[in-house]
Amino acid sequence: MAKLELKDMNIDQLRSELTSTEASYYDMKFKNATSSLHNTSEIKTVRRDIARLKTRIREIELESSTEKRDKIQSRRRFAKKVKK
């Protein structure tokens, strides 16, 4: 999964991609334990994809929380000016 693909996705798409990727990761782990997985390096790439997805989801969450915080702080500054 390329970094550019993640930038174009919204948070709902990222979460659905995360659940499907995690499901395939657990399936791969099971197949690896039963010795039916042929390419074990896929586990590593899927695990890194999961980390990329979680990181991008967290970035979006932090962007929205800082916007809310900035709005609240500006309201408080305005309220202080009005009281003076």
N, C-alpha and C. Protein backbone atom coordinates (compact mmCIF):
# COMPACT_ATOMS: atom_id res chain seq x y z
N MET A 1 0.84 -1.17 0.00
CA MET A 1 0.00 0.00 0.00
C MET A 1 0.89 1.24 0.00
N ALA A 2 0.70 2.07 -0.97
CA ALA A 2 1.53 3.26 -1.11
C ALA A 2 1.04 4.38 -0.20
N LYS A 3 1.96 5.23 0.17
CA LYS A 3 1.63 6.35 1.03
C LYS A 3 0.66 7.31 0.35
N LEU A 4 0.81 7.46 -0.95
CA LEU A 4 -0.07 8.36 -1.69
C LEU A 4 -1.51 7.86 -1.70
N GLU A 5 -1.69 6.56 -1.71
CA GLU A 5 -3.04 6.00 -1.67
C GLU A 5 -3.73 6.35 -0.36
N LEU A 6 -2.99 6.33 0.73
CA LEU A 6 -3.56 6.61 2.04
C LEU A 6 -3.96 8.08 2.17
N LYS A 7 -3.23 8.96 1.54
CA LYS A 7 -3.54 10.39 1.64
C LYS A 7 -4.88 10.72 0.97
N ASP A 8 -5.26 9.95 -0.03
CA ASP A 8 -6.50 10.22 -0.76
C ASP A 8 -7.74 9.63 -0.09
N MET A 9 -7.55 8.74 0.88
CA MET A 9 -8.68 8.06 1.51
C MET A 9 -9.20 8.86 2.70
N ASN A 10 -10.52 8.77 2.93
CA ASN A 10 -11.08 9.39 4.12
C ASN A 10 -11.02 8.39 5.28
N ILE A 11 -11.45 8.82 6.44
CA ILE A 11 -11.26 8.00 7.65
C ILE A 11 -12.10 6.73 7.62
N ASP A 12 -13.28 6.77 7.03
CA ASP A 12 -14.11 5.57 6.96
C ASP A 12 -13.49 4.52 6.04
N GLN A 13 -12.94 4.98 4.93
CA GLN A 13 -12.27 4.05 4.02
C GLN A 13 -11.03 3.45 4.68
N LEU A 14 -10.31 4.27 5.43
CA LEU A 14 -9.12 3.78 6.12
C LEU A 14 -9.48 2.72 7.17
N ARG A 15 -10.55 2.97 7.90
CA ARG A 15 -10.96 2.00 8.93
C ARG A 15 -11.43 0.69 8.32
N SER A 16 -12.14 0.76 7.22
CA SER A 16 -12.58 -0.48 6.58
C SER A 16 -11.39 -1.23 5.99
N GLU A 17 -10.44 -0.50 5.44
CA GLU A 17 -9.21 -1.13 4.93
C GLU A 17 -8.42 -1.76 6.07
N LEU A 18 -8.40 -1.10 7.22
CA LEU A 18 -7.69 -1.62 8.38
C LEU A 18 -8.30 -2.94 8.86
N THR A 19 -9.62 -3.01 8.93
CA THR A 19 -10.25 -4.25 9.38
C THR A 19 -10.00 -5.40 8.41
N SER A 20 -10.05 -5.11 7.12
CA SER A 20 -9.80 -6.19 6.15
C SER A 20 -8.33 -6.61 6.16
N THR A 21 -7.43 -5.66 6.35
CA THR A 21 -6.00 -5.98 6.40
C THR A 21 -5.67 -6.78 7.65
N GLU A 22 -6.28 -6.40 8.78
CA GLU A 22 -6.05 -7.16 10.01
C GLU A 22 -6.59 -8.58 9.89
N ALA A 23 -7.73 -8.74 9.23
CA ALA A 23 -8.28 -10.08 9.04
C ALA A 23 -7.35 -10.94 8.19
N SER A 24 -6.81 -10.35 7.14
CA SER A 24 -5.87 -11.13 6.32
C SER A 24 -4.58 -11.42 7.07
N TYR A 25 -4.17 -10.50 7.95
CA TYR A 25 -2.96 -10.72 8.76
C TYR A 25 -3.15 -11.92 9.69
N TYR A 26 -4.30 -11.97 10.37
CA TYR A 26 -4.55 -13.10 11.27
C TYR A 26 -4.68 -14.42 10.51
N ASP A 27 -5.25 -14.35 9.31
CA ASP A 27 -5.34 -15.53 8.46
C ASP A 27 -3.94 -16.01 8.07
N MET A 28 -3.07 -15.08 7.73
CA MET A 28 -1.69 -15.44 7.38
C MET A 28 -0.94 -16.04 8.56
N LYS A 29 -1.18 -15.48 9.73
CA LYS A 29 -0.52 -16.03 10.93
C LYS A 29 -0.97 -17.47 11.17
N PHE A 30 -2.26 -17.71 10.97
CA PHE A 30 -2.78 -19.06 11.16
C PHE A 30 -2.18 -20.01 10.14
N LYS A 31 -2.14 -19.58 8.88
CA LYS A 31 -1.55 -20.42 7.84
C LYS A 31 -0.07 -20.67 8.08
N ASN A 32 0.63 -19.69 8.62
CA ASN A 32 2.04 -19.86 8.93
C ASN A 32 2.23 -20.88 10.05
N ALA A 33 1.34 -20.85 11.01
CA ALA A 33 1.44 -21.79 12.13
C ALA A 33 1.17 -23.22 11.68
N THR A 34 0.30 -23.37 10.68
CA THR A 34 0.00 -24.71 10.18
C THR A 34 0.89 -25.11 9.01
N SER A 35 1.88 -24.29 8.73
CA SER A 35 2.88 -24.54 7.66
C SER A 35 2.26 -24.61 6.27
N SER A 36 1.20 -23.86 6.03
CA SER A 36 0.61 -23.84 4.70
C SER A 36 0.83 -22.51 3.99
N LEU A 37 1.55 -21.59 4.64
CA LEU A 37 1.87 -20.31 4.01
C LEU A 37 3.20 -20.45 3.28
N HIS A 38 3.18 -20.14 1.99
CA HIS A 38 4.37 -20.35 1.18
C HIS A 38 5.35 -19.17 1.26
N ASN A 39 4.83 -17.96 1.27
CA ASN A 39 5.69 -16.79 1.31
C ASN A 39 5.53 -16.10 2.66
N THR A 40 6.44 -16.38 3.58
CA THR A 40 6.31 -15.85 4.94
C THR A 40 6.66 -14.37 5.03
N SER A 41 7.29 -13.83 4.01
CA SER A 41 7.62 -12.40 4.05
C SER A 41 6.38 -11.53 3.88
N GLU A 42 5.28 -12.11 3.42
CA GLU A 42 4.04 -11.36 3.29
C GLU A 42 3.54 -10.89 4.65
N ILE A 43 3.80 -11.67 5.69
CA ILE A 43 3.36 -11.30 7.04
C ILE A 43 3.98 -9.96 7.43
N LYS A 44 5.24 -9.80 7.13
CA LYS A 44 5.95 -8.57 7.46
C LYS A 44 5.36 -7.37 6.73
N THR A 45 5.07 -7.52 5.44
CA THR A 45 4.52 -6.40 4.67
C THR A 45 3.11 -6.05 5.13
N VAL A 46 2.32 -7.06 5.46
CA VAL A 46 0.95 -6.79 5.93
C VAL A 46 0.98 -6.11 7.29
N ARG A 47 1.89 -6.53 8.14
CA ARG A 47 2.02 -5.90 9.45
C ARG A 47 2.41 -4.43 9.30
N ARG A 48 3.28 -4.13 8.37
CA ARG A 48 3.68 -2.75 8.12
C ARG A 48 2.54 -1.94 7.50
N ASP A 49 1.74 -2.57 6.66
CA ASP A 49 0.57 -1.89 6.11
C ASP A 49 -0.42 -1.52 7.21
N ILE A 50 -0.59 -2.42 8.16
CA ILE A 50 -1.48 -2.14 9.30
C ILE A 50 -0.95 -0.94 10.08
N ALA A 51 0.35 -0.89 10.29
CA ALA A 51 0.95 0.24 11.01
C ALA A 51 0.76 1.54 10.23
N ARG A 52 0.90 1.49 8.93
CA ARG A 52 0.70 2.69 8.10
C ARG A 52 -0.75 3.18 8.19
N LEU A 53 -1.68 2.24 8.15
CA LEU A 53 -3.09 2.61 8.24
C LEU A 53 -3.41 3.24 9.59
N LYS A 54 -2.92 2.62 10.66
CA LYS A 54 -3.17 3.17 12.00
C LYS A 54 -2.55 4.54 12.16
N THR A 55 -1.37 4.73 11.59
CA THR A 55 -0.71 6.03 11.67
C THR A 55 -1.51 7.10 10.95
N ARG A 56 -2.00 6.79 9.76
CA ARG A 56 -2.77 7.76 8.99
C ARG A 56 -4.10 8.09 9.67
N ILE A 57 -4.74 7.08 10.27
CA ILE A 57 -5.98 7.32 11.00
C ILE A 57 -5.71 8.26 12.18
N ARG A 58 -4.63 8.03 12.88
CA ARG A 58 -4.29 8.88 14.02
C ARG A 58 -3.95 10.30 13.59
N GLU A 59 -3.29 10.44 12.45
CA GLU A 59 -2.99 11.79 11.93
C GLU A 59 -4.27 12.56 11.66
N ILE A 60 -5.24 11.91 11.06
CA ILE A 60 -6.52 12.56 10.77
C ILE A 60 -7.23 12.94 12.07
N GLU A 61 -7.20 12.05 13.05
CA GLU A 61 -7.84 12.35 14.34
C GLU A 61 -7.18 13.55 15.02
N LEU A 62 -5.87 13.62 14.97
CA LEU A 62 -5.17 14.73 15.60
C LEU A 62 -5.41 16.04 14.87
N GLU A 63 -5.52 16.00 13.54
CA GLU A 63 -5.83 17.21 12.78
C GLU A 63 -7.17 17.78 13.19
N SER A 64 -8.15 16.92 13.34
CA SER A 64 -9.49 17.40 13.71
C SER A 64 -9.51 17.90 15.15
N SER A 65 -8.76 17.25 16.04
CA SER A 65 -8.77 17.68 17.44
C SER A 65 -8.05 19.02 17.60
N THR A 66 -7.00 19.28 16.82
CA THR A 66 -6.33 20.57 16.93
C THR A 66 -7.21 21.69 16.38
N GLU A 67 -8.00 21.40 15.37
CA GLU A 67 -8.93 22.41 14.86
C GLU A 67 -9.96 22.77 15.92
N LYS A 68 -10.47 21.78 16.62
CA LYS A 68 -11.45 22.04 17.68
C LYS A 68 -10.80 22.84 18.81
N ARG A 69 -9.56 22.45 19.17
CA ARG A 69 -8.86 23.14 20.25
C ARG A 69 -8.62 24.60 19.88
N ASP A 70 -8.24 24.86 18.64
CA ASP A 70 -7.99 26.22 18.20
C ASP A 70 -9.26 27.07 18.25
N LYS A 71 -10.39 26.47 17.89
CA LYS A 71 -11.66 27.20 17.96
C LYS A 71 -12.00 27.56 19.40
N ILE A 72 -11.80 26.61 20.30
CA ILE A 72 -12.11 26.86 21.71
C ILE A 72 -11.20 27.95 22.27
N GLN A 73 -9.92 27.88 21.94
CA GLN A 73 -8.98 28.88 22.44
C GLN A 73 -9.31 30.27 21.90
N SER A 74 -9.71 30.35 20.65
CA SER A 74 -10.05 31.66 20.09
C SER A 74 -11.30 32.22 20.75
N ARG A 75 -12.26 31.37 21.08
CA ARG A 75 -13.46 31.83 21.79
C ARG A 75 -13.09 32.35 23.18
N ARG A 76 -12.18 31.66 23.85
CA ARG A 76 -11.77 32.10 25.19
C ARG A 76 -11.04 33.43 25.13
N ARG A 77 -10.18 33.60 24.14
CA ARG A 77 -9.48 34.88 23.99
C ARG A 77 -10.46 36.00 23.72
N PHE A 78 -11.44 35.74 22.87
CA PHE A 78 -12.44 36.73 22.57
C PHE A 78 -13.26 37.09 23.81
N ALA A 79 -13.59 36.08 24.61
CA ALA A 79 -14.37 36.31 25.83
C ALA A 79 -13.57 37.16 26.81
N LYS A 80 -12.28 36.96 26.91
CA LYS A 80 -11.45 37.76 27.81
C LYS A 80 -11.39 39.22 27.35
N LYS A 81 -11.34 39.42 26.04
CA LYS A 81 -11.30 40.79 25.52
C LYS A 81 -12.61 41.51 25.79
N VAL A 82 -13.71 40.78 25.69
CA VAL A 82 -15.02 41.38 25.91
C VAL A 82 -15.18 41.79 27.37
N LYS A 83 -14.66 40.99 28.31
CA LYS A 83 -14.79 41.29 29.74
C LYS A 83 -14.01 42.55 30.13
N LYS A 84 -12.91 42.83 29.46
CA LYS A 84 -12.09 43.98 29.81
C LYS A 84 -12.75 45.23 29.40
